[in-house]
Amino acid sequence: MISANIRKVRKARNFSQDYVAMKARISQNAYSKIELGYSKISLERFFLIADALGVDYTQLIQPND
């Protein structure tokens, strides 16, 4: 659910994976794996990604409509 919300927000803002990864200070490969759900997201990375996307973290943990 969180991975899908991250991807949904990123696409809605027209951000590339490279851009979000750079802003969150992680590799694009690591970011891609998080977004696809292939790897678990640490709490620290979760907050960095929320900041990079410019959203409150609660927006990323809410169920999809």
PDB file of N, CA and C in Angstrom:
ATOM      1  N   MET A   1       0.824  -1.188   0.000  1.00  0.00           N
ATOM      2  CA  MET A   1       0.000   0.000   0.000  1.00  0.00           C
ATOM      3  C   MET A   1       0.871   1.255   0.000  1.00  0.00           C
ATOM      4  N   ILE A   2       1.877   1.310   0.856  1.00  0.00           N
ATOM      5  CA  ILE A   2       2.726   2.494   0.924  1.00  0.00           C
ATOM      6  C   ILE A   2       3.483   2.677  -0.390  1.00  0.00           C
ATOM      7  N   SER A   3       4.000   1.591  -0.926  1.00  0.00           N
ATOM      8  CA  SER A   3       4.732   1.662  -2.192  1.00  0.00           C
ATOM      9  C   SER A   3       3.840   2.203  -3.307  1.00  0.00           C
ATOM     10  N   ALA A   4       2.605   1.715  -3.359  1.00  0.00           N
ATOM     11  CA  ALA A   4       1.659   2.182  -4.383  1.00  0.00           C
ATOM     12  C   ALA A   4       1.342   3.660  -4.188  1.00  0.00           C
ATOM     13  N   ASN A   5       1.203   4.095  -2.953  1.00  0.00           N
ATOM     14  CA  ASN A   5       0.922   5.513  -2.684  1.00  0.00           C
ATOM     15  C   ASN A   5       2.103   6.393  -3.075  1.00  0.00           C
ATOM     16  N   ILE A   6       3.320   5.919  -2.806  1.00  0.00           N
ATOM     17  CA  ILE A   6       4.514   6.672  -3.193  1.00  0.00           C
ATOM     18  C   ILE A   6       4.529   6.861  -4.704  1.00  0.00           C
ATOM     19  N   ARG A   7       4.290   5.778  -5.425  1.00  0.00           N
ATOM     20  CA  ARG A   7       4.290   5.846  -6.888  1.00  0.00           C
ATOM     21  C   ARG A   7       3.185   6.767  -7.403  1.00  0.00           C
ATOM     22  N   LYS A   8       2.000   6.662  -6.810  1.00  0.00           N
ATOM     23  CA  LYS A   8       0.856   7.483  -7.219  1.00  0.00           C
ATOM     24  C   LYS A   8       1.157   8.977  -7.040  1.00  0.00           C
ATOM     25  N   VAL A   9       1.730   9.338  -5.899  1.00  0.00           N
ATOM     26  CA  VAL A   9       2.057  10.746  -5.640  1.00  0.00           C
ATOM     27  C   VAL A   9       3.156  11.214  -6.583  1.00  0.00           C
ATOM     28  N   ARG A  10       4.172  10.380  -6.787  1.00  0.00           N
ATOM     29  CA  ARG A  10       5.271  10.755  -7.685  1.00  0.00           C
ATOM     30  C   ARG A  10       4.752  11.027  -9.092  1.00  0.00           C
ATOM     31  N   LYS A  11       3.906  10.134  -9.590  1.00  0.00           N
ATOM     32  CA  LYS A  11       3.369  10.310 -10.942  1.00  0.00           C
ATOM     33  C   LYS A  11       2.446  11.534 -11.019  1.00  0.00           C
ATOM     34  N   ALA A  12       1.654  11.770  -9.980  1.00  0.00           N
ATOM     35  CA  ALA A  12       0.755  12.929  -9.966  1.00  0.00           C
ATOM     36  C   ALA A  12       1.535  14.241 -10.004  1.00  0.00           C
ATOM     37  N   ARG A  13       2.726  14.229  -9.426  1.00  0.00           N
ATOM     38  CA  ARG A  13       3.558  15.434  -9.404  1.00  0.00           C
ATOM     39  C   ARG A  13       4.496  15.509 -10.605  1.00  0.00           C
ATOM     40  N   ASN A  14       4.427  14.512 -11.478  1.00  0.00           N
ATOM     41  CA  ASN A  14       5.278  14.469 -12.670  1.00  0.00           C
ATOM     42  C   ASN A  14       6.760  14.421 -12.330  1.00  0.00           C
ATOM     43  N   PHE A  15       7.113  13.743 -11.243  1.00  0.00           N
ATOM     44  CA  PHE A  15       8.506  13.585 -10.841  1.00  0.00           C
ATOM     45  C   PHE A  15       9.032  12.273 -11.405  1.00  0.00           C
ATOM     46  N   SER A  16      10.284  12.258 -11.801  1.00  0.00           N
ATOM     47  CA  SER A  16      10.915  11.014 -12.228  1.00  0.00           C
ATOM     48  C   SER A  16      11.430  10.275 -10.992  1.00  0.00           C
ATOM     49  N   GLN A  17      11.674   8.992 -11.152  1.00  0.00           N
ATOM     50  CA  GLN A  17      12.271   8.233 -10.054  1.00  0.00           C
ATOM     51  C   GLN A  17      13.645   8.794  -9.721  1.00  0.00           C
ATOM     52  N   ASP A  18      14.402   9.176 -10.744  1.00  0.00           N
ATOM     53  CA  ASP A  18      15.731   9.760 -10.516  1.00  0.00           C
ATOM     54  C   ASP A  18      15.653  11.002  -9.643  1.00  0.00           C
ATOM     55  N   TYR A  19      14.676  11.862  -9.930  1.00  0.00           N
ATOM     56  CA  TYR A  19      14.540  13.110  -9.181  1.00  0.00           C
ATOM     57  C   TYR A  19      14.219  12.836  -7.708  1.00  0.00           C
ATOM     58  N   VAL A  20      13.255  11.965  -7.467  1.00  0.00           N
ATOM     59  CA  VAL A  20      12.864  11.674  -6.080  1.00  0.00           C
ATOM     60  C   VAL A  20      14.015  11.002  -5.342  1.00  0.00           C
ATOM     61  N   ALA A  21      14.682  10.071  -6.007  1.00  0.00           N
ATOM     62  CA  ALA A  21      15.817   9.387  -5.380  1.00  0.00           C
ATOM     63  C   ALA A  21      16.918  10.384  -5.014  1.00  0.00           C
ATOM     64  N   MET A  22      17.216  11.300  -5.927  1.00  0.00           N
ATOM     65  CA  MET A  22      18.242  12.305  -5.661  1.00  0.00           C
ATOM     66  C   MET A  22      17.850  13.171  -4.458  1.00  0.00           C
ATOM     67  N   LYS A  23      16.591  13.626  -4.438  1.00  0.00           N
ATOM     68  CA  LYS A  23      16.119  14.467  -3.333  1.00  0.00           C
ATOM     69  C   LYS A  23      16.123  13.714  -2.007  1.00  0.00           C
ATOM     70  N   ALA A  24      15.866  12.394  -2.065  1.00  0.00           N
ATOM     71  CA  ALA A  24      15.830  11.580  -0.848  1.00  0.00           C
ATOM     72  C   ALA A  24      17.215  11.046  -0.483  1.00  0.00           C
ATOM     73  N   ARG A  25      18.208  11.351  -1.315  1.00  0.00           N
ATOM     74  CA  ARG A  25      19.588  10.929  -1.080  1.00  0.00           C
ATOM     75  C   ARG A  25      19.744   9.407  -1.039  1.00  0.00           C
ATOM     76  N   ILE A  26      19.074   8.741  -1.984  1.00  0.00           N
ATOM     77  CA  ILE A  26      19.243   7.301  -2.155  1.00  0.00           C
ATOM     78  C   ILE A  26      19.448   7.028  -3.645  1.00  0.00           C
ATOM     79  N   SER A  27      19.927   5.842  -3.969  1.00  0.00           N
ATOM     80  CA  SER A  27      20.137   5.525  -5.378  1.00  0.00           C
ATOM     81  C   SER A  27      18.800   5.321  -6.081  1.00  0.00           C
ATOM     82  N   GLN A  28      18.807   5.513  -7.386  1.00  0.00           N
ATOM     83  CA  GLN A  28      17.595   5.312  -8.165  1.00  0.00           C
ATOM     84  C   GLN A  28      17.180   3.853  -8.104  1.00  0.00           C
ATOM     85  N   ASN A  29      18.141   2.952  -8.097  1.00  0.00           N
ATOM     86  CA  ASN A  29      17.849   1.526  -8.024  1.00  0.00           C
ATOM     87  C   ASN A  29      17.156   1.176  -6.702  1.00  0.00           C
ATOM     88  N   ALA A  30      17.654   1.709  -5.612  1.00  0.00           N
ATOM     89  CA  ALA A  30      17.039   1.465  -4.302  1.00  0.00           C
ATOM     90  C   ALA A  30      15.632   2.042  -4.259  1.00  0.00           C
ATOM     91  N   TYR A  31      15.469   3.248  -4.807  1.00  0.00           N
ATOM     92  CA  TYR A  31      14.146   3.866  -4.836  1.00  0.00           C
ATOM     93  C   TYR A  31      13.177   3.032  -5.662  1.00  0.00           C
ATOM     94  N   SER A  32      13.608   2.579  -6.822  1.00  0.00           N
ATOM     95  CA  SER A  32      12.761   1.776  -7.694  1.00  0.00           C
ATOM     96  C   SER A  32      12.289   0.510  -6.983  1.00  0.00           C
ATOM     97  N   LYS A  33      13.192  -0.145  -6.273  1.00  0.00           N
ATOM     98  CA  LYS A  33      12.831  -1.365  -5.542  1.00  0.00           C
ATOM     99  C   LYS A  33      11.805  -1.082  -4.445  1.00  0.00           C
ATOM    100  N   ILE A  34      11.907   0.067  -3.799  1.00  0.00           N
ATOM    101  CA  ILE A  34      10.927   0.454  -2.780  1.00  0.00           C
ATOM    102  C   ILE A  34       9.568   0.672  -3.434  1.00  0.00           C
ATOM    103  N   GLU A  35       9.569   1.429  -4.526  1.00  0.00           N
ATOM    104  CA  GLU A  35       8.319   1.766  -5.199  1.00  0.00           C
ATOM    105  C   GLU A  35       7.621   0.523  -5.766  1.00  0.00           C
ATOM    106  N   LEU A  36       8.405  -0.435  -6.224  1.00  0.00           N
ATOM    107  CA  LEU A  36       7.842  -1.666  -6.778  1.00  0.00           C
ATOM    108  C   LEU A  36       7.494  -2.693  -5.699  1.00  0.00           C
ATOM    109  N   GLY A  37       7.892  -2.412  -4.463  1.00  0.00           N
ATOM    110  CA  GLY A  37       7.601  -3.321  -3.367  1.00  0.00           C
ATOM    111  C   GLY A  37       8.563  -4.485  -3.265  1.00  0.00           C
ATOM    112  N   TYR A  38       9.704  -4.399  -3.954  1.00  0.00           N
ATOM    113  CA  TYR A  38      10.695  -5.469  -3.921  1.00  0.00           C
ATOM    114  C   TYR A  38      11.556  -5.432  -2.666  1.00  0.00           C
ATOM    115  N   SER A  39      11.642  -4.282  -2.035  1.00  0.00           N
ATOM    116  CA  SER A  39      12.392  -4.173  -0.787  1.00  0.00           C
ATOM    117  C   SER A  39      11.578  -3.384   0.227  1.00  0.00           C
ATOM    118  N   LYS A  40      11.814  -3.685   1.467  1.00  0.00           N
ATOM    119  CA  LYS A  40      11.115  -2.983   2.539  1.00  0.00           C
ATOM    120  C   LYS A  40      11.714  -1.597   2.695  1.00  0.00           C
ATOM    121  N   ILE A  41      10.870  -0.675   3.099  1.00  0.00           N
ATOM    122  CA  ILE A  41      11.315   0.711   3.273  1.00  0.00           C
ATOM    123  C   ILE A  41      11.587   0.952   4.755  1.00  0.00           C
ATOM    124  N   SER A  42      12.755   1.511   5.029  1.00  0.00           N
ATOM    125  CA  SER A  42      13.076   1.856   6.410  1.00  0.00           C
ATOM    126  C   SER A  42      12.309   3.120   6.789  1.00  0.00           C
ATOM    127  N   LEU A  43      12.159   3.324   8.063  1.00  0.00           N
ATOM    128  CA  LEU A  43      11.448   4.510   8.537  1.00  0.00           C
ATOM    129  C   LEU A  43      12.173   5.778   8.099  1.00  0.00           C
ATOM    130  N   GLU A  44      13.489   5.750   8.167  1.00  0.00           N
ATOM    131  CA  GLU A  44      14.275   6.916   7.759  1.00  0.00           C
ATOM    132  C   GLU A  44      14.049   7.234   6.275  1.00  0.00           C
ATOM    133  N   ARG A  45      14.104   6.210   5.430  1.00  0.00           N
ATOM    134  CA  ARG A  45      13.884   6.424   3.996  1.00  0.00           C
ATOM    135  C   ARG A  45      12.450   6.849   3.708  1.00  0.00           C
ATOM    136  N   PHE A  46      11.513   6.323   4.463  1.00  0.00           N
ATOM    137  CA  PHE A  46      10.110   6.710   4.309  1.00  0.00           C
ATOM    138  C   PHE A  46       9.952   8.218   4.489  1.00  0.00           C
ATOM    139  N   PHE A  47      10.541   8.754   5.557  1.00  0.00           N
ATOM    140  CA  PHE A  47      10.433  10.191   5.811  1.00  0.00           C
ATOM    141  C   PHE A  47      11.194  11.004   4.759  1.00  0.00           C
ATOM    142  N   LEU A  48      12.351  10.509   4.305  1.00  0.00           N
ATOM    143  CA  LEU A  48      13.102  11.209   3.265  1.00  0.00           C
ATOM    144  C   LEU A  48      12.313  11.263   1.956  1.00  0.00           C
ATOM    145  N   ILE A  49      11.659  10.160   1.615  1.00  0.00           N
ATOM    146  CA  ILE A  49      10.855  10.127   0.384  1.00  0.00           C
ATOM    147  C   ILE A  49       9.647  11.046   0.505  1.00  0.00           C
ATOM    148  N   ALA A  50       8.989  11.040   1.656  1.00  0.00           N
ATOM    149  CA  ALA A  50       7.851  11.948   1.860  1.00  0.00           C
ATOM    150  C   ALA A  50       8.294  13.401   1.692  1.00  0.00           C
ATOM    151  N   ASP A  51       9.450  13.747   2.249  1.00  0.00           N
ATOM    152  CA  ASP A  51       9.979  15.105   2.097  1.00  0.00           C
ATOM    153  C   ASP A  51      10.298  15.406   0.633  1.00  0.00           C
ATOM    154  N   ALA A  52      10.903  14.438  -0.051  1.00  0.00           N
ATOM    155  CA  ALA A  52      11.254  14.631  -1.464  1.00  0.00           C
ATOM    156  C   ALA A  52      10.013  14.834  -2.324  1.00  0.00           C
ATOM    157  N   LEU A  53       8.934  14.158  -1.970  1.00  0.00           N
ATOM    158  CA  LEU A  53       7.680  14.302  -2.709  1.00  0.00           C
ATOM    159  C   LEU A  53       6.906  15.552  -2.299  1.00  0.00           C
ATOM    160  N   GLY A  54       7.293  16.151  -1.179  1.00  0.00           N
ATOM    161  CA  GLY A  54       6.623  17.361  -0.708  1.00  0.00           C
ATOM    162  C   GLY A  54       5.257  17.100  -0.109  1.00  0.00           C
ATOM    163  N   VAL A  55       5.111  15.926   0.535  1.00  0.00           N
ATOM    164  CA  VAL A  55       3.831  15.573   1.151  1.00  0.00           C
ATOM    165  C   VAL A  55       4.028  15.224   2.615  1.00  0.00           C
ATOM    166  N   ASP A  56       2.959  15.322   3.370  1.00  0.00           N
ATOM    167  CA  ASP A  56       2.970  14.863   4.746  1.00  0.00           C
ATOM    168  C   ASP A  56       2.985  13.342   4.720  1.00  0.00           C
ATOM    169  N   TYR A  57       3.745  12.748   5.612  1.00  0.00           N
ATOM    170  CA  TYR A  57       3.878  11.284   5.599  1.00  0.00           C
ATOM    171  C   TYR A  57       2.552  10.563   5.733  1.00  0.00           C
ATOM    172  N   THR A  58       1.565  11.175   6.402  1.00  0.00           N
ATOM    173  CA  THR A  58       0.268  10.512   6.568  1.00  0.00           C
ATOM    174  C   THR A  58      -0.415  10.276   5.231  1.00  0.00           C
ATOM    175  N   GLN A  59      -0.121  11.114   4.252  1.00  0.00           N
ATOM    176  CA  GLN A  59      -0.714  10.941   2.923  1.00  0.00           C
ATOM    177  C   GLN A  59      -0.221   9.644   2.271  1.00  0.00           C
ATOM    178  N   LEU A  60       0.942   9.186   2.656  1.00  0.00           N
ATOM    179  CA  LEU A  60       1.514   7.978   2.053  1.00  0.00           C
ATOM    180  C   LEU A  60       1.062   6.701   2.751  1.00  0.00           C
ATOM    181  N   ILE A  61       0.483   6.818   3.938  1.00  0.00           N
ATOM    182  CA  ILE A  61       0.061   5.603   4.651  1.00  0.00           C
ATOM    183  C   ILE A  61      -1.448   5.401   4.618  1.00  0.00           C
ATOM    184  N   GLN A  62      -2.168   6.342   4.033  1.00  0.00           N
ATOM    185  CA  GLN A  62      -3.618   6.199   3.938  1.00  0.00           C
ATOM    186  C   GLN A  62      -3.967   5.186   2.854  1.00  0.00           C
ATOM    187  N   PRO A  63      -5.010   4.396   3.058  1.00  0.00           N
ATOM    188  CA  PRO A  63      -5.431   3.443   2.029  1.00  0.00           C
ATOM    189  C   PRO A  63      -5.811   4.143   0.737  1.00  0.00           C
ATOM    190  N   ASN A  64      -5.586   3.460  -0.380  1.00  0.00           N
ATOM    191  CA  ASN A  64      -5.981   3.996  -1.695  1.00  0.00           C
ATOM    192  C   ASN A  64      -7.491   4.043  -1.789  1.00  0.00           C
ATOM    193  N   ASP A  65      -7.978   5.037  -2.515  1.00  0.00           N
ATOM    194  CA  ASP A  65      -9.423   5.135  -2.743  1.00  0.00           C
ATOM    195  C   ASP A  65      -9.819   4.385  -3.989  1.00  0.00           C
TER     196      ASP A  65
END
